[in-house]
Amino acid sequence: MPTPTDFDCQACGACCSFSPTWPRFSTETEADLDSLPSRFVSDDQGGMRCYGARCSALAGCVGSSTSCLVYELRPDVCRACVPGDGACLEARSSFGLV
């Protein structure tokens, strides 16, 4: 079984391109949400803005080289993502990365 250290998130990005309903805000404070640049927040302010299934804050090419443009400000749902967990493996599988 792979461990979290077996995954390089900056060479993946699948979790940020997997589902337009995944990057939802839940436990963020108003101050947390106000710190995010509005261009990355969905119109209903319920989560991150997505283009198709891809988070608008994801830069780069999935499976090659990616980075988060709001990494220090990213919402709790993104912070809770654990490299190699079930959700990670599902997202990676959808891109043929497992």
PDB file of N, CA and C in Angstrom:
ATOM      1  N   MET A   1       0.843  -1.182   0.000  1.00  0.00           N
ATOM      2  CA  MET A   1       0.000   0.000   0.000  1.00  0.00           C
ATOM      3  C   MET A   1       0.886   1.242   0.000  1.00  0.00           C
ATOM      4  N   PRO A   2       0.636   2.185  -0.937  1.00  0.00           N
ATOM      5  CA  PRO A   2       1.449   3.402  -0.981  1.00  0.00           C
ATOM      6  C   PRO A   2       1.239   4.245   0.279  1.00  0.00           C
ATOM      7  N   THR A   3       2.267   4.992   0.652  1.00  0.00           N
ATOM      8  CA  THR A   3       2.178   5.912   1.777  1.00  0.00           C
ATOM      9  C   THR A   3       2.089   7.334   1.246  1.00  0.00           C
ATOM     10  N   PRO A   4       1.667   8.306   2.081  1.00  0.00           N
ATOM     11  CA  PRO A   4       1.568   9.693   1.617  1.00  0.00           C
ATOM     12  C   PRO A   4       2.849  10.220   0.981  1.00  0.00           C
ATOM     13  N   THR A   5       4.003   9.744   1.439  1.00  0.00           N
ATOM     14  CA  THR A   5       5.258  10.228   0.871  1.00  0.00           C
ATOM     15  C   THR A   5       5.532   9.656  -0.520  1.00  0.00           C
ATOM     16  N   ASP A   6       4.732   8.672  -0.954  1.00  0.00           N
ATOM     17  CA  ASP A   6       4.885   8.110  -2.290  1.00  0.00           C
ATOM     18  C   ASP A   6       4.250   8.984  -3.369  1.00  0.00           C
ATOM     19  N   PHE A   7       3.561  10.038  -2.972  1.00  0.00           N
ATOM     20  CA  PHE A   7       2.829  10.878  -3.914  1.00  0.00           C
ATOM     21  C   PHE A   7       3.394  12.290  -3.910  1.00  0.00           C
ATOM     22  N   ASP A   8       3.633  12.820  -5.085  1.00  0.00           N
ATOM     23  CA  ASP A   8       4.105  14.192  -5.249  1.00  0.00           C
ATOM     24  C   ASP A   8       2.939  15.011  -5.792  1.00  0.00           C
ATOM     25  N   CYS A   9       2.295  15.739  -4.915  1.00  0.00           N
ATOM     26  CA  CYS A   9       1.103  16.507  -5.304  1.00  0.00           C
ATOM     27  C   CYS A   9       1.411  17.516  -6.406  1.00  0.00           C
ATOM     28  N   GLN A  10       2.622  18.058  -6.419  1.00  0.00           N
ATOM     29  CA  GLN A  10       2.969  19.040  -7.439  1.00  0.00           C
ATOM     30  C   GLN A  10       3.259  18.401  -8.796  1.00  0.00           C
ATOM     31  N   ALA A  11       3.254  17.085  -8.841  1.00  0.00           N
ATOM     32  CA  ALA A  11       3.374  16.375 -10.108  1.00  0.00           C
ATOM     33  C   ALA A  11       2.057  15.688 -10.442  1.00  0.00           C
ATOM     34  N   CYS A  12       0.997  16.053  -9.735  1.00  0.00           N
ATOM     35  CA  CYS A  12      -0.288  15.376  -9.919  1.00  0.00           C
ATOM     36  C   CYS A  12      -1.400  16.383 -10.211  1.00  0.00           C
ATOM     37  N   GLY A  13      -2.044  16.898  -9.162  1.00  0.00           N
ATOM     38  CA  GLY A  13      -3.136  17.855  -9.325  1.00  0.00           C
ATOM     39  C   GLY A  13      -4.482  17.229  -9.618  1.00  0.00           C
ATOM     40  N   ALA A  14      -4.562  15.907  -9.614  1.00  0.00           N
ATOM     41  CA  ALA A  14      -5.820  15.237  -9.964  1.00  0.00           C
ATOM     42  C   ALA A  14      -6.955  15.613  -9.020  1.00  0.00           C
ATOM     43  N   CYS A  15      -6.666  15.734  -7.721  1.00  0.00           N
ATOM     44  CA  CYS A  15      -7.732  16.040  -6.757  1.00  0.00           C
ATOM     45  C   CYS A  15      -8.336  17.412  -7.014  1.00  0.00           C
ATOM     46  N   CYS A  16      -7.579  18.306  -7.614  1.00  0.00           N
ATOM     47  CA  CYS A  16      -8.056  19.663  -7.895  1.00  0.00           C
ATOM     48  C   CYS A  16      -8.722  19.760  -9.265  1.00  0.00           C
ATOM     49  N   SER A  17      -8.802  18.648  -9.960  1.00  0.00           N
ATOM     50  CA  SER A  17      -9.382  18.624 -11.305  1.00  0.00           C
ATOM     51  C   SER A  17     -10.405  17.518 -11.459  1.00  0.00           C
ATOM     52  N   PHE A  18     -10.847  16.990 -10.352  1.00  0.00           N
ATOM     53  CA  PHE A  18     -11.660  15.784 -10.357  1.00  0.00           C
ATOM     54  C   PHE A  18     -13.163  16.049 -10.313  1.00  0.00           C
ATOM     55  N   SER A  19     -13.590  17.085  -9.574  1.00  0.00           N
ATOM     56  CA  SER A  19     -15.016  17.300  -9.374  1.00  0.00           C
ATOM     57  C   SER A  19     -15.313  18.766  -9.080  1.00  0.00           C
ATOM     58  N   PRO A  20     -16.262  19.344  -9.788  1.00  0.00           N
ATOM     59  CA  PRO A  20     -16.613  20.743  -9.514  1.00  0.00           C
ATOM     60  C   PRO A  20     -17.371  20.905  -8.199  1.00  0.00           C
ATOM     61  N   THR A  21     -17.821  19.812  -7.600  1.00  0.00           N
ATOM     62  CA  THR A  21     -18.550  19.915  -6.340  1.00  0.00           C
ATOM     63  C   THR A  21     -17.677  19.632  -5.135  1.00  0.00           C
ATOM     64  N   TRP A  22     -16.440  19.219  -5.349  1.00  0.00           N
ATOM     65  CA  TRP A  22     -15.575  18.861  -4.235  1.00  0.00           C
ATOM     66  C   TRP A  22     -15.040  20.080  -3.475  1.00  0.00           C
ATOM     67  N   PRO A  23     -14.543  21.102  -4.124  1.00  0.00           N
ATOM     68  CA  PRO A  23     -13.916  22.178  -3.328  1.00  0.00           C
ATOM     69  C   PRO A  23     -14.952  23.101  -2.684  1.00  0.00           C
ATOM     70  N   ARG A  24     -15.783  22.559  -1.788  1.00  0.00           N
ATOM     71  CA  ARG A  24     -16.844  23.299  -1.097  1.00  0.00           C
ATOM     72  C   ARG A  24     -16.337  23.863   0.209  1.00  0.00           C
ATOM     73  N   PHE A  25     -16.779  25.052   0.533  1.00  0.00           N
ATOM     74  CA  PHE A  25     -16.451  25.652   1.822  1.00  0.00           C
ATOM     75  C   PHE A  25     -17.353  25.048   2.883  1.00  0.00           C
ATOM     76  N   SER A  26     -16.806  24.794   4.057  1.00  0.00           N
ATOM     77  CA  SER A  26     -17.624  24.232   5.127  1.00  0.00           C
ATOM     78  C   SER A  26     -17.282  24.829   6.486  1.00  0.00           C
ATOM     79  N   THR A  27     -16.022  24.843   6.858  1.00  0.00           N
ATOM     80  CA  THR A  27     -15.652  25.301   8.196  1.00  0.00           C
ATOM     81  C   THR A  27     -14.883  26.619   8.180  1.00  0.00           C
ATOM     82  N   GLU A  28     -14.769  27.245   7.032  1.00  0.00           N
ATOM     83  CA  GLU A  28     -14.026  28.497   6.933  1.00  0.00           C
ATOM     84  C   GLU A  28     -14.776  29.630   7.640  1.00  0.00           C
ATOM     85  N   THR A  29     -14.018  30.525   8.235  1.00  0.00           N
ATOM     86  CA  THR A  29     -14.606  31.713   8.835  1.00  0.00           C
ATOM     87  C   THR A  29     -14.824  32.762   7.746  1.00  0.00           C
ATOM     88  N   GLU A  30     -15.577  33.783   8.061  1.00  0.00           N
ATOM     89  CA  GLU A  30     -15.773  34.883   7.109  1.00  0.00           C
ATOM     90  C   GLU A  30     -14.424  35.508   6.747  1.00  0.00           C
ATOM     91  N   ALA A  31     -13.545  35.635   7.724  1.00  0.00           N
ATOM     92  CA  ALA A  31     -12.222  36.207   7.469  1.00  0.00           C
ATOM     93  C   ALA A  31     -11.424  35.328   6.503  1.00  0.00           C
ATOM     94  N   ASP A  32     -11.520  34.008   6.674  1.00  0.00           N
ATOM     95  CA  ASP A  32     -10.842  33.084   5.756  1.00  0.00           C
ATOM     96  C   ASP A  32     -11.349  33.296   4.336  1.00  0.00           C
ATOM     97  N   LEU A  33     -12.657  33.361   4.195  1.00  0.00           N
ATOM     98  CA  LEU A  33     -13.247  33.511   2.864  1.00  0.00           C
ATOM     99  C   LEU A  33     -12.924  34.867   2.265  1.00  0.00           C
ATOM    100  N   ASP A  34     -12.902  35.898   3.088  1.00  0.00           N
ATOM    101  CA  ASP A  34     -12.574  37.237   2.590  1.00  0.00           C
ATOM    102  C   ASP A  34     -11.130  37.329   2.120  1.00  0.00           C
ATOM    103  N   SER A  35     -10.256  36.462   2.621  1.00  0.00           N
ATOM    104  CA  SER A  35      -8.846  36.507   2.222  1.00  0.00           C
ATOM    105  C   SER A  35      -8.608  35.878   0.848  1.00  0.00           C
ATOM    106  N   LEU A  36      -9.536  35.042   0.380  1.00  0.00           N
ATOM    107  CA  LEU A  36      -9.396  34.419  -0.943  1.00  0.00           C
ATOM    108  C   LEU A  36      -9.713  35.439  -2.031  1.00  0.00           C
ATOM    109  N   PRO A  37      -8.881  35.546  -3.041  1.00  0.00           N
ATOM    110  CA  PRO A  37      -9.211  36.441  -4.157  1.00  0.00           C
ATOM    111  C   PRO A  37     -10.542  36.023  -4.782  1.00  0.00           C
ATOM    112  N   SER A  38     -11.416  36.975  -4.996  1.00  0.00           N
ATOM    113  CA  SER A  38     -12.778  36.680  -5.468  1.00  0.00           C
ATOM    114  C   SER A  38     -12.797  35.955  -6.806  1.00  0.00           C
ATOM    115  N   ARG A  39     -11.777  36.123  -7.629  1.00  0.00           N
ATOM    116  CA  ARG A  39     -11.764  35.442  -8.937  1.00  0.00           C
ATOM    117  C   ARG A  39     -11.680  33.925  -8.792  1.00  0.00           C
ATOM    118  N   PHE A  40     -11.292  33.431  -7.601  1.00  0.00           N
ATOM    119  CA  PHE A  40     -11.194  31.999  -7.366  1.00  0.00           C
ATOM    120  C   PHE A  40     -12.396  31.427  -6.615  1.00  0.00           C
ATOM    121  N   VAL A  41     -13.343  32.277  -6.255  1.00  0.00           N
ATOM    122  CA  VAL A  41     -14.512  31.852  -5.476  1.00  0.00           C
ATOM    123  C   VAL A  41     -15.723  31.764  -6.399  1.00  0.00           C
ATOM    124  N   SER A  42     -16.515  30.702  -6.245  1.00  0.00           N
ATOM    125  CA  SER A  42     -17.696  30.519  -7.095  1.00  0.00           C
ATOM    126  C   SER A  42     -18.692  31.660  -6.895  1.00  0.00           C
ATOM    127  N   ASP A  43     -19.522  31.864  -7.891  1.00  0.00           N
ATOM    128  CA  ASP A  43     -20.504  32.944  -7.835  1.00  0.00           C
ATOM    129  C   ASP A  43     -21.442  32.821  -6.641  1.00  0.00           C
ATOM    130  N   ASP A  44     -21.765  31.588  -6.234  1.00  0.00           N
ATOM    131  CA  ASP A  44     -22.649  31.408  -5.074  1.00  0.00           C
ATOM    132  C   ASP A  44     -21.875  31.455  -3.756  1.00  0.00           C
ATOM    133  N   GLN A  45     -20.570  31.645  -3.838  1.00  0.00           N
ATOM    134  CA  GLN A  45     -19.663  31.749  -2.696  1.00  0.00           C
ATOM    135  C   GLN A  45     -19.694  30.511  -1.798  1.00  0.00           C
ATOM    136  N   GLY A  46     -20.067  29.375  -2.383  1.00  0.00           N
ATOM    137  CA  GLY A  46     -20.119  28.135  -1.627  1.00  0.00           C
ATOM    138  C   GLY A  46     -18.871  27.288  -1.741  1.00  0.00           C
ATOM    139  N   GLY A  47     -17.949  27.694  -2.610  1.00  0.00           N
ATOM    140  CA  GLY A  47     -16.740  26.919  -2.811  1.00  0.00           C
ATOM    141  C   GLY A  47     -15.820  27.606  -3.801  1.00  0.00           C
ATOM    142  N   MET A  48     -14.829  26.889  -4.217  1.00  0.00           N
ATOM    143  CA  MET A  48     -13.890  27.430  -5.199  1.00  0.00           C
ATOM    144  C   MET A  48     -14.548  27.438  -6.582  1.00  0.00           C
ATOM    145  N   ARG A  49     -14.211  28.429  -7.377  1.00  0.00           N
ATOM    146  CA  ARG A  49     -14.696  28.503  -8.763  1.00  0.00           C
ATOM    147  C   ARG A  49     -14.017  27.387  -9.553  1.00  0.00           C
ATOM    148  N   CYS A  50     -14.792  26.684 -10.335  1.00  0.00           N
ATOM    149  CA  CYS A  50     -14.251  25.621 -11.170  1.00  0.00           C
ATOM    150  C   CYS A  50     -14.587  25.886 -12.628  1.00  0.00           C
ATOM    151  N   TYR A  51     -13.710  25.456 -13.489  1.00  0.00           N
ATOM    152  CA  TYR A  51     -13.938  25.461 -14.929  1.00  0.00           C
ATOM    153  C   TYR A  51     -14.048  23.997 -15.321  1.00  0.00           C
ATOM    154  N   GLY A  52     -15.270  23.568 -15.568  1.00  0.00           N
ATOM    155  CA  GLY A  52     -15.516  22.140 -15.715  1.00  0.00           C
ATOM    156  C   GLY A  52     -15.317  21.513 -14.358  1.00  0.00           C
ATOM    157  N   ALA A  53     -14.438  20.546 -14.259  1.00  0.00           N
ATOM    158  CA  ALA A  53     -14.154  19.904 -12.973  1.00  0.00           C
ATOM    159  C   ALA A  53     -12.883  20.451 -12.329  1.00  0.00           C
ATOM    160  N   ARG A  54     -12.229  21.388 -12.980  1.00  0.00           N
ATOM    161  CA  ARG A  54     -10.925  21.887 -12.523  1.00  0.00           C
ATOM    162  C   ARG A  54     -11.056  23.162 -11.696  1.00  0.00           C
ATOM    163  N   CYS A  55     -10.435  23.152 -10.526  1.00  0.00           N
ATOM    164  CA  CYS A  55     -10.416  24.337  -9.673  1.00  0.00           C
ATOM    165  C   CYS A  55      -9.668  25.462 -10.389  1.00  0.00           C
ATOM    166  N   SER A  56     -10.220  26.654 -10.328  1.00  0.00           N
ATOM    167  CA  SER A  56      -9.606  27.795 -11.004  1.00  0.00           C
ATOM    168  C   SER A  56      -8.264  28.190 -10.394  1.00  0.00           C
ATOM    169  N   ALA A  57      -7.979  27.751  -9.181  1.00  0.00           N
ATOM    170  CA  ALA A  57      -6.709  28.089  -8.531  1.00  0.00           C
ATOM    171  C   ALA A  57      -5.594  27.096  -8.859  1.00  0.00           C
ATOM    172  N   LEU A  58      -5.893  26.093  -9.663  1.00  0.00           N
ATOM    173  CA  LEU A  58      -4.869  25.123 -10.048  1.00  0.00           C
ATOM    174  C   LEU A  58      -4.133  25.612 -11.287  1.00  0.00           C
ATOM    175  N   ALA A  59      -2.830  25.710 -11.177  1.00  0.00           N
ATOM    176  CA  ALA A  59      -1.996  26.092 -12.319  1.00  0.00           C
ATOM    177  C   ALA A  59      -1.220  24.862 -12.770  1.00  0.00           C
ATOM    178  N   GLY A  60      -0.949  24.778 -14.064  1.00  0.00           N
ATOM    179  CA  GLY A  60      -0.118  23.710 -14.585  1.00  0.00           C
ATOM    180  C   GLY A  60      -0.902  22.622 -15.272  1.00  0.00           C
ATOM    181  N   CYS A  61      -0.224  21.514 -15.502  1.00  0.00           N
ATOM    182  CA  CYS A  61      -0.773  20.392 -16.254  1.00  0.00           C
ATOM    183  C   CYS A  61      -0.923  19.179 -15.336  1.00  0.00           C
ATOM    184  N   VAL A  62      -2.150  18.694 -15.179  1.00  0.00           N
ATOM    185  CA  VAL A  62      -2.427  17.545 -14.320  1.00  0.00           C
ATOM    186  C   VAL A  62      -1.580  16.353 -14.767  1.00  0.00           C
ATOM    187  N   GLY A  63      -0.949  15.714 -13.798  1.00  0.00           N
ATOM    188  CA  GLY A  63      -0.116  14.550 -14.075  1.00  0.00           C
ATOM    189  C   GLY A  63       1.306  14.893 -14.444  1.00  0.00           C
ATOM    190  N   SER A  64       1.621  16.191 -14.480  1.00  0.00           N
ATOM    191  CA  SER A  64       2.952  16.599 -14.884  1.00  0.00           C
ATOM    192  C   SER A  64       3.561  17.577 -13.881  1.00  0.00           C
ATOM    193  N   SER A  65       2.994  18.770 -13.823  1.00  0.00           N
ATOM    194  CA  SER A  65       3.509  19.803 -12.921  1.00  0.00           C
ATOM    195  C   SER A  65       2.371  20.758 -12.585  1.00  0.00           C
ATOM    196  N   THR A  66       2.002  20.823 -11.316  1.00  0.00           N
ATOM    197  CA  THR A  66       0.903  21.685 -10.894  1.00  0.00           C
ATOM    198  C   THR A  66       1.272  22.453  -9.629  1.00  0.00           C
ATOM    199  N   SER A  67       0.522  23.504  -9.392  1.00  0.00           N
ATOM    200  CA  SER A  67       0.645  24.251  -8.146  1.00  0.00           C
ATOM    201  C   SER A  67      -0.677  24.942  -7.867  1.00  0.00           C
ATOM    202  N   CYS A  68      -0.883  25.273  -6.596  1.00  0.00           N
ATOM    203  CA  CYS A  68      -2.094  25.960  -6.176  1.00  0.00           C
ATOM    204  C   CYS A  68      -1.781  27.442  -6.042  1.00  0.00           C
ATOM    205  N   LEU A  69      -2.560  28.262  -6.720  1.00  0.00           N
ATOM    206  CA  LEU A  69      -2.322  29.700  -6.701  1.00  0.00           C
ATOM    207  C   LEU A  69      -2.748  30.354  -5.388  1.00  0.00           C
ATOM    208  N   VAL A  70      -3.471  29.621  -4.548  1.00  0.00           N
ATOM    209  CA  VAL A  70      -3.900  30.144  -3.245  1.00  0.00           C
ATOM    210  C   VAL A  70      -3.486  29.185  -2.125  1.00  0.00           C
ATOM    211  N   TYR A  71      -2.380  28.499  -2.302  1.00  0.00           N
ATOM    212  CA  TYR A  71      -1.988  27.422  -1.380  1.00  0.00           C
ATOM    213  C   TYR A  71      -2.043  27.857   0.084  1.00  0.00           C
ATOM    214  N   GLU A  72      -1.477  28.982   0.426  1.00  0.00           N
ATOM    215  CA  GLU A  72      -1.463  29.435   1.825  1.00  0.00           C
ATOM    216  C   GLU A  72      -2.861  29.793   2.322  1.00  0.00           C
ATOM    217  N   LEU A  73      -3.783  30.108   1.411  1.00  0.00           N
ATOM    218  CA  LEU A  73      -5.139  30.525   1.770  1.00  0.00           C
ATOM    219  C   LEU A  73      -6.172  29.450   1.464  1.00  0.00           C
ATOM    220  N   ARG A  74      -5.758  28.295   0.970  1.00  0.00           N
ATOM    221  CA  ARG A  74      -6.683  27.268   0.487  1.00  0.00           C
ATOM    222  C   ARG A  74      -7.695  26.879   1.566  1.00  0.00           C
ATOM    223  N   PRO A  75      -8.908  26.486   1.138  1.00  0.00           N
ATOM    224  CA  PRO A  75      -9.952  26.139   2.107  1.00  0.00           C
ATOM    225  C   PRO A  75      -9.647  24.832   2.843  1.00  0.00           C
ATOM    226  N   ASP A  76     -10.375  24.625   3.921  1.00  0.00           N
ATOM    227  CA  ASP A  76     -10.172  23.442   4.767  1.00  0.00           C
ATOM    228  C   ASP A  76     -10.324  22.140   4.001  1.00  0.00           C
ATOM    229  N   VAL A  77     -11.259  22.073   3.058  1.00  0.00           N
ATOM    230  CA  VAL A  77     -11.453  20.835   2.296  1.00  0.00           C
ATOM    231  C   VAL A  77     -10.167  20.460   1.551  1.00  0.00           C
ATOM    232  N   CYS A  78      -9.440  21.453   1.090  1.00  0.00           N
ATOM    233  CA  CYS A  78      -8.182  21.189   0.392  1.00  0.00           C
ATOM    234  C   CYS A  78      -7.089  20.797   1.384  1.00  0.00           C
ATOM    235  N   ARG A  79      -7.084  21.414   2.542  1.00  0.00           N
ATOM    236  CA  ARG A  79      -6.097  21.080   3.573  1.00  0.00           C
ATOM    237  C   ARG A  79      -6.301  19.654   4.084  1.00  0.00           C
ATOM    238  N   ALA A  80      -7.542  19.185   4.061  1.00  0.00           N
ATOM    239  CA  ALA A  80      -7.852  17.853   4.585  1.00  0.00           C
ATOM    240  C   ALA A  80      -7.505  16.743   3.602  1.00  0.00           C
ATOM    241  N   CYS A  81      -7.232  17.084   2.374  1.00  0.00           N
ATOM    242  CA  CYS A  81      -6.893  16.087   1.367  1.00  0.00           C
ATOM    243  C   CYS A  81      -5.554  15.451   1.734  1.00  0.00           C
ATOM    244  N   VAL A  82      -5.547  14.136   1.819  1.00  0.00           N
ATOM    245  CA  VAL A  82      -4.342  13.412   2.228  1.00  0.00           C
ATOM    246  C   VAL A  82      -3.800  12.634   1.034  1.00  0.00           C
ATOM    247  N   PRO A  83      -2.552  12.895   0.651  1.00  0.00           N
ATOM    248  CA  PRO A  83      -1.967  12.137  -0.449  1.00  0.00           C
ATOM    249  C   PRO A  83      -2.047  10.635  -0.187  1.00  0.00           C
ATOM    250  N   GLY A  84      -2.602   9.911  -1.143  1.00  0.00           N
ATOM    251  CA  GLY A  84      -2.693   8.469  -1.047  1.00  0.00           C
ATOM    252  C   GLY A  84      -3.948   7.935  -0.388  1.00  0.00           C
ATOM    253  N   ASP A  85      -4.833   8.821   0.104  1.00  0.00           N
ATOM    254  CA  ASP A  85      -6.073   8.309   0.711  1.00  0.00           C
ATOM    255  C   ASP A  85      -7.053   7.900  -0.391  1.00  0.00           C
ATOM    256  N   GLY A  86      -8.208   7.414  -0.004  1.00  0.00           N
ATOM    257  CA  GLY A  86      -9.186   6.922  -0.971  1.00  0.00           C
ATOM    258  C   GLY A  86      -9.597   7.948  -2.005  1.00  0.00           C
ATOM    259  N   ALA A  87      -9.850   9.186  -1.563  1.00  0.00           N
ATOM    260  CA  ALA A  87     -10.251  10.238  -2.503  1.00  0.00           C
ATOM    261  C   ALA A  87      -9.123  10.570  -3.471  1.00  0.00           C
ATOM    262  N   CYS A  88      -7.900  10.597  -2.955  1.00  0.00           N
ATOM    263  CA  CYS A  88      -6.730  10.848  -3.801  1.00  0.00           C
ATOM    264  C   CYS A  88      -6.618   9.761  -4.875  1.00  0.00           C
ATOM    265  N   LEU A  89      -6.699   8.521  -4.447  1.00  0.00           N
ATOM    266  CA  LEU A  89      -6.553   7.421  -5.397  1.00  0.00           C
ATOM    267  C   LEU A  89      -7.674   7.403  -6.430  1.00  0.00           C
ATOM    268  N   GLU A  90      -8.894   7.770  -6.010  1.00  0.00           N
ATOM    269  CA  GLU A  90     -10.004   7.847  -6.955  1.00  0.00           C
ATOM    270  C   GLU A  90      -9.763   8.928  -7.997  1.00  0.00           C
ATOM    271  N   ALA A  91      -9.306  10.098  -7.544  1.00  0.00           N
ATOM    272  CA  ALA A  91      -9.029  11.194  -8.468  1.00  0.00           C
ATOM    273  C   ALA A  91      -7.891  10.813  -9.414  1.00  0.00           C
ATOM    274  N   ARG A  92      -6.823  10.248  -8.868  1.00  0.00           N
ATOM    275  CA  ARG A  92      -5.693   9.831  -9.703  1.00  0.00           C
ATOM    276  C   ARG A  92      -6.117   8.795 -10.736  1.00  0.00           C
ATOM    277  N   SER A  93      -6.962   7.872 -10.309  1.00  0.00           N
ATOM    278  CA  SER A  93      -7.440   6.827 -11.211  1.00  0.00           C
ATOM    279  C   SER A  93      -8.212   7.417 -12.383  1.00  0.00           C
ATOM    280  N   SER A  94      -9.001   8.462 -12.106  1.00  0.00           N
ATOM    281  CA  SER A  94      -9.791   9.073 -13.182  1.00  0.00           C
ATOM    282  C   SER A  94      -8.919   9.703 -14.260  1.00  0.00           C
ATOM    283  N   PHE A  95      -7.667  10.006 -13.920  1.00  0.00           N
ATOM    284  CA  PHE A  95      -6.718  10.556 -14.893  1.00  0.00           C
ATOM    285  C   PHE A  95      -5.711   9.509 -15.360  1.00  0.00           C
ATOM    286  N   GLY A  96      -5.913   8.246 -14.935  1.00  0.00           N
ATOM    287  CA  GLY A  96      -4.986   7.188 -15.317  1.00  0.00           C
ATOM    288  C   GLY A  96      -3.626   7.308 -14.641  1.00  0.00           C
ATOM    289  N   LEU A  97      -3.606   7.890 -13.443  1.00  0.00           N
ATOM    290  CA  LEU A  97      -2.335   8.116 -12.744  1.00  0.00           C
ATOM    291  C   LEU A  97      -2.045   7.088 -11.656  1.00  0.00           C
ATOM    292  N   VAL A  98      -2.893   6.069 -11.518  1.00  0.00           N
ATOM    293  CA  VAL A  98      -2.663   5.042 -10.482  1.00  0.00           C
ATOM    294  C   VAL A  98      -2.144   3.784 -11.133  1.00  0.00           C
TER     295      VAL A  98
END
